[in-house]
Protein backbone atom coordinates (compact mmCIF):
# COMPACT_ATOMS: atom_id res chain seq x y z
CA MET A 1 231.42 192.78 107.68
CA SER A 2 232.78 193.97 104.19
CA ASN A 3 233.98 191.63 101.15
CA ASN A 4 236.26 194.18 100.40
CA LEU A 5 240.29 193.73 100.69
CA ASP A 6 241.08 196.74 102.60
CA THR A 7 244.66 196.15 103.70
CA ALA A 8 247.64 194.80 102.01
CA ASP A 9 247.74 192.17 104.77
CA ASP A 10 244.17 191.35 103.84
CA LEU A 11 245.18 190.98 100.18
CA PHE A 12 248.04 188.90 100.85
CA THR A 13 245.76 186.46 103.13
CA PHE A 14 243.50 186.17 100.36
CA TYR A 15 245.97 185.45 97.79
CA ASN A 16 247.47 182.64 99.81
CA LYS A 17 244.50 180.60 100.48
CA ILE A 18 243.85 180.31 96.82
CA LYS A 19 245.07 177.36 95.36
CA TYR A 20 243.42 176.76 91.93
CA LEU A 21 242.64 179.31 89.13
CA VAL A 22 240.02 178.61 86.85
CA LEU A 23 239.31 179.95 83.43
CA PHE A 24 236.02 180.30 82.16
CA PRO A 25 234.05 180.27 78.95
CA ASP A 26 233.61 183.90 79.07
CA LYS A 27 237.21 184.68 79.41
CA LYS A 28 236.96 185.34 83.04
CA PHE A 29 239.41 184.01 85.76
CA LYS A 30 238.22 183.05 89.21
CA GLY A 31 240.30 181.74 92.33
CA TYR A 32 239.18 178.71 94.30
CA THR A 33 240.60 177.34 97.54
CA SER A 34 239.58 173.52 96.79
CA LEU A 35 238.61 171.36 94.05
CA ARG A 36 235.40 170.58 95.60
CA GLU A 37 234.55 174.41 95.62
CA ILE A 38 235.24 174.19 91.87
CA SER A 39 232.96 170.95 91.65
CA ARG A 40 230.01 173.08 93.20
CA GLU A 41 230.48 175.62 90.63
CA ILE A 42 230.92 174.25 87.58
CA PHE A 43 229.51 170.76 87.83
CA ILE A 44 232.45 168.52 87.16
CA ASP A 45 233.14 166.01 89.87
CA TYR A 46 236.35 167.01 92.05
CA SER A 47 237.61 163.59 91.44
CA THR A 48 237.58 164.24 87.67
CA ILE A 49 239.22 167.49 87.95
CA SER A 50 241.86 165.95 90.43
CA LYS A 51 242.59 163.18 88.06
CA ARG A 52 243.21 165.17 85.15
CA LEU A 53 245.38 167.73 87.10
CA ASN A 54 247.57 165.11 87.90
CA GLU A 55 248.14 164.18 84.14
CA THR A 56 248.53 167.75 83.28
CA ASN A 57 248.67 171.23 84.79
CA PRO A 58 246.97 172.79 83.76
CA CYS A 59 244.11 170.62 82.57
CA VAL A 60 240.74 171.53 80.45
CA CYS A 61 237.69 169.96 81.63
CA TYR A 62 234.51 169.22 79.62
CA GLY A 63 231.27 170.49 81.50
CA LYS A 64 227.86 169.74 80.21
CA ASP A 65 227.94 172.79 77.68
CA TYR A 66 231.58 174.28 78.39
CA LEU A 67 235.07 174.23 78.51
CA TYR A 68 236.96 175.05 81.63
CA LEU A 69 241.01 175.72 81.95
CA ILE A 70 242.17 174.77 85.46
CA GLN A 71 245.28 175.05 87.16
CA LYS A 72 246.87 174.43 90.25
CA ILE A 73 248.91 177.14 91.56
CA GLN A 74 250.54 176.24 94.59
């Protein structure tokens, strides 16, 4: 099974699953489907991210060594 998005339907299906965008310190964006998924990758507790997103959207979260900008898109 390929990880490529080969058709327009595949592209829209994938796009509709994305709920959060994260801007990383190396100026790259990545889409995520859940706060827990983000938490596993950037090592910031999902409850902290949720609380900050409720205060402001987008929010800036401070990891151990880096800053991340997280935005809820849906």
